[in-house]
Amino acid sequence: MYFDSVNAALTMEGHGAFVWSAYVITFLVLAFMLVQPLLRGRRLARAIRAEQRRQAAELPAEGGGHAP
């Protein structure tokens, strides 16, 4: 595709708003799909560490750490 100017590339003979908005929407959806699992993984790792700390804090209170 060849355009005479930057303005011609942006307007695309009246179709530029539709074309560029499609590119922006596609980019946003792809970015969301890439970032969301990373954020979920961090949240899960934080929850697991917190649970492990809670369990470690409960162990001495349960029986003093001695086997029956």
N, C-alpha and C. Protein backbone atom coordinates (compact mmCIF):
# COMPACT_ATOMS: atom_id res chain seq x y z
N MET A 1 0.84 -1.16 0.00
CA MET A 1 0.00 0.00 0.00
C MET A 1 0.90 1.23 0.00
N TYR A 2 0.62 2.16 -0.88
CA TYR A 2 1.44 3.35 -1.01
C TYR A 2 0.57 4.58 -0.79
N PHE A 3 1.07 5.50 0.03
CA PHE A 3 0.35 6.74 0.31
C PHE A 3 1.26 7.91 -0.02
N ASP A 4 0.66 8.98 -0.50
CA ASP A 4 1.43 10.17 -0.89
C ASP A 4 1.92 10.97 0.31
N SER A 5 1.22 10.86 1.42
CA SER A 5 1.62 11.62 2.60
C SER A 5 1.17 10.88 3.86
N VAL A 6 1.62 11.37 5.00
CA VAL A 6 1.21 10.78 6.27
C VAL A 6 -0.28 10.99 6.46
N ASN A 7 -0.77 12.16 6.07
CA ASN A 7 -2.20 12.45 6.20
C ASN A 7 -3.03 11.47 5.37
N ALA A 8 -2.56 11.12 4.19
CA ALA A 8 -3.28 10.17 3.35
C ALA A 8 -3.28 8.78 4.00
N ALA A 9 -2.18 8.43 4.66
CA ALA A 9 -2.11 7.13 5.34
C ALA A 9 -3.05 7.10 6.54
N LEU A 10 -3.19 8.22 7.23
CA LEU A 10 -4.07 8.26 8.39
C LEU A 10 -5.54 8.28 8.00
N THR A 11 -5.88 8.99 6.94
CA THR A 11 -7.30 9.10 6.55
C THR A 11 -7.76 7.94 5.68
N MET A 12 -6.87 7.37 4.89
CA MET A 12 -7.18 6.23 4.01
C MET A 12 -8.48 6.44 3.23
N GLU A 13 -8.55 7.60 2.60
CA GLU A 13 -9.70 7.95 1.75
C GLU A 13 -11.03 7.82 2.49
N GLY A 14 -11.05 8.23 3.75
CA GLY A 14 -12.28 8.21 4.52
C GLY A 14 -12.47 6.96 5.37
N HIS A 15 -11.63 5.97 5.20
CA HIS A 15 -11.76 4.72 5.95
C HIS A 15 -10.78 4.63 7.12
N GLY A 16 -9.95 5.63 7.30
CA GLY A 16 -8.90 5.61 8.32
C GLY A 16 -9.42 5.42 9.73
N ALA A 17 -10.53 6.06 10.07
CA ALA A 17 -11.06 5.94 11.43
C ALA A 17 -11.42 4.49 11.75
N PHE A 18 -12.00 3.81 10.80
CA PHE A 18 -12.39 2.41 11.02
C PHE A 18 -11.17 1.50 11.09
N VAL A 19 -10.22 1.71 10.18
CA VAL A 19 -9.04 0.86 10.11
C VAL A 19 -8.18 1.05 11.36
N TRP A 20 -7.89 2.31 11.72
CA TRP A 20 -7.01 2.56 12.86
C TRP A 20 -7.67 2.17 14.18
N SER A 21 -8.99 2.36 14.27
CA SER A 21 -9.66 1.93 15.51
C SER A 21 -9.63 0.40 15.62
N ALA A 22 -9.72 -0.31 14.51
CA ALA A 22 -9.61 -1.77 14.55
C ALA A 22 -8.22 -2.19 15.02
N TYR A 23 -7.18 -1.49 14.56
CA TYR A 23 -5.83 -1.79 15.02
C TYR A 23 -5.69 -1.53 16.52
N VAL A 24 -6.22 -0.43 17.00
CA VAL A 24 -6.12 -0.07 18.41
C VAL A 24 -6.86 -1.09 19.27
N ILE A 25 -8.07 -1.44 18.87
CA ILE A 25 -8.86 -2.42 19.64
C ILE A 25 -8.15 -3.77 19.68
N THR A 26 -7.61 -4.19 18.54
CA THR A 26 -6.88 -5.46 18.48
C THR A 26 -5.66 -5.43 19.40
N PHE A 27 -4.91 -4.33 19.36
CA PHE A 27 -3.74 -4.22 20.21
C PHE A 27 -4.13 -4.26 21.69
N LEU A 28 -5.19 -3.55 22.06
CA LEU A 28 -5.62 -3.54 23.46
C LEU A 28 -6.06 -4.92 23.93
N VAL A 29 -6.78 -5.64 23.09
CA VAL A 29 -7.23 -6.99 23.46
C VAL A 29 -6.03 -7.92 23.63
N LEU A 30 -5.08 -7.85 22.71
CA LEU A 30 -3.88 -8.69 22.81
C LEU A 30 -3.06 -8.34 24.05
N ALA A 31 -2.91 -7.06 24.34
CA ALA A 31 -2.17 -6.65 25.53
C ALA A 31 -2.87 -7.17 26.79
N PHE A 32 -4.19 -7.07 26.84
CA PHE A 32 -4.95 -7.57 27.98
C PHE A 32 -4.75 -9.07 28.15
N MET A 33 -4.79 -9.79 27.02
CA MET A 33 -4.64 -11.24 27.08
C MET A 33 -3.23 -11.66 27.50
N LEU A 34 -2.24 -10.83 27.28
CA LEU A 34 -0.88 -11.14 27.69
C LEU A 34 -0.61 -10.74 29.14
N VAL A 35 -1.16 -9.62 29.58
CA VAL A 35 -0.87 -9.09 30.91
C VAL A 35 -1.72 -9.78 31.98
N GLN A 36 -2.95 -10.10 31.69
CA GLN A 36 -3.86 -10.65 32.69
C GLN A 36 -3.34 -11.94 33.33
N PRO A 37 -2.84 -12.92 32.58
CA PRO A 37 -2.31 -14.13 33.24
C PRO A 37 -1.10 -13.83 34.13
N LEU A 38 -0.28 -12.86 33.75
CA LEU A 38 0.86 -12.50 34.59
C LEU A 38 0.40 -11.93 35.92
N LEU A 39 -0.60 -11.05 35.86
CA LEU A 39 -1.12 -10.47 37.10
C LEU A 39 -1.80 -11.53 37.96
N ARG A 40 -2.54 -12.43 37.33
CA ARG A 40 -3.19 -13.51 38.08
C ARG A 40 -2.17 -14.42 38.74
N GLY A 41 -1.07 -14.71 38.05
CA GLY A 41 -0.02 -15.54 38.62
C GLY A 41 0.64 -14.89 39.82
N ARG A 42 0.88 -13.59 39.73
CA ARG A 42 1.46 -12.87 40.87
C ARG A 42 0.51 -12.91 42.07
N ARG A 43 -0.77 -12.69 41.80
CA ARG A 43 -1.76 -12.70 42.87
C ARG A 43 -1.83 -14.07 43.52
N LEU A 44 -1.78 -15.13 42.71
CA LEU A 44 -1.83 -16.49 43.23
C LEU A 44 -0.58 -16.79 44.07
N ALA A 45 0.59 -16.39 43.59
CA ALA A 45 1.83 -16.63 44.34
C ALA A 45 1.78 -15.90 45.68
N ARG A 46 1.25 -14.68 45.69
CA ARG A 46 1.13 -13.93 46.94
C ARG A 46 0.19 -14.62 47.91
N ALA A 47 -0.93 -15.15 47.39
CA ALA A 47 -1.90 -15.85 48.24
C ALA A 47 -1.30 -17.13 48.81
N ILE A 48 -0.52 -17.84 48.00
CA ILE A 48 0.12 -19.09 48.46
C ILE A 48 1.13 -18.77 49.56
N ARG A 49 1.96 -17.73 49.36
CA ARG A 49 2.93 -17.36 50.40
C ARG A 49 2.23 -16.95 51.69
N ALA A 50 1.13 -16.22 51.59
CA ALA A 50 0.40 -15.81 52.79
C ALA A 50 -0.17 -17.02 53.51
N GLU A 51 -0.69 -17.98 52.75
CA GLU A 51 -1.24 -19.20 53.36
C GLU A 51 -0.14 -20.01 54.04
N GLN A 52 1.02 -20.09 53.41
CA GLN A 52 2.14 -20.81 54.01
C GLN A 52 2.58 -20.14 55.31
N ARG A 53 2.60 -18.80 55.33
CA ARG A 53 2.96 -18.09 56.56
C ARG A 53 1.93 -18.35 57.66
N ARG A 54 0.64 -18.36 57.30
CA ARG A 54 -0.41 -18.64 58.29
C ARG A 54 -0.24 -20.05 58.85
N GLN A 55 0.01 -21.02 57.97
CA GLN A 55 0.17 -22.40 58.44
C GLN A 55 1.42 -22.54 59.30
N ALA A 56 2.49 -21.87 58.96
CA ALA A 56 3.72 -21.95 59.75
C ALA A 56 3.51 -21.31 61.12
N ALA A 57 2.70 -20.28 61.19
CA ALA A 57 2.43 -19.63 62.47
C ALA A 57 1.53 -20.49 63.35
N GLU A 58 0.69 -21.31 62.76
CA GLU A 58 -0.22 -22.16 63.52
C GLU A 58 0.46 -23.41 64.08
N LEU A 59 1.51 -23.89 63.48
CA LEU A 59 2.15 -25.14 63.90
C LEU A 59 2.60 -25.13 65.35
N PRO A 60 3.34 -24.17 65.84
CA PRO A 60 3.77 -24.21 67.24
C PRO A 60 2.60 -24.13 68.21
N ALA A 61 1.53 -23.48 67.87
CA ALA A 61 0.40 -23.32 68.76
C ALA A 61 -0.40 -24.62 68.89
N GLU A 62 -0.32 -25.49 67.90
CA GLU A 62 -1.13 -26.70 67.91
C GLU A 62 -0.62 -27.75 68.90
N GLY A 63 0.65 -27.94 68.96
CA GLY A 63 1.12 -28.98 69.87
C GLY A 63 2.51 -28.74 70.36
N GLY A 64 3.00 -27.55 70.16
CA GLY A 64 4.34 -27.23 70.62
C GLY A 64 5.41 -27.85 69.75
N GLY A 65 5.05 -28.42 68.62
CA GLY A 65 6.02 -28.99 67.71
C GLY A 65 6.47 -30.38 68.10
N HIS A 66 5.86 -31.00 69.13
CA HIS A 66 6.24 -32.34 69.55
C HIS A 66 5.30 -33.38 68.95
N ALA A 67 5.86 -34.50 68.60
CA ALA A 67 5.05 -35.59 68.05
C ALA A 67 4.36 -36.32 69.21
N PRO A 68 3.15 -36.82 69.01
CA PRO A 68 2.45 -37.54 70.10
C PRO A 68 3.08 -38.86 70.46
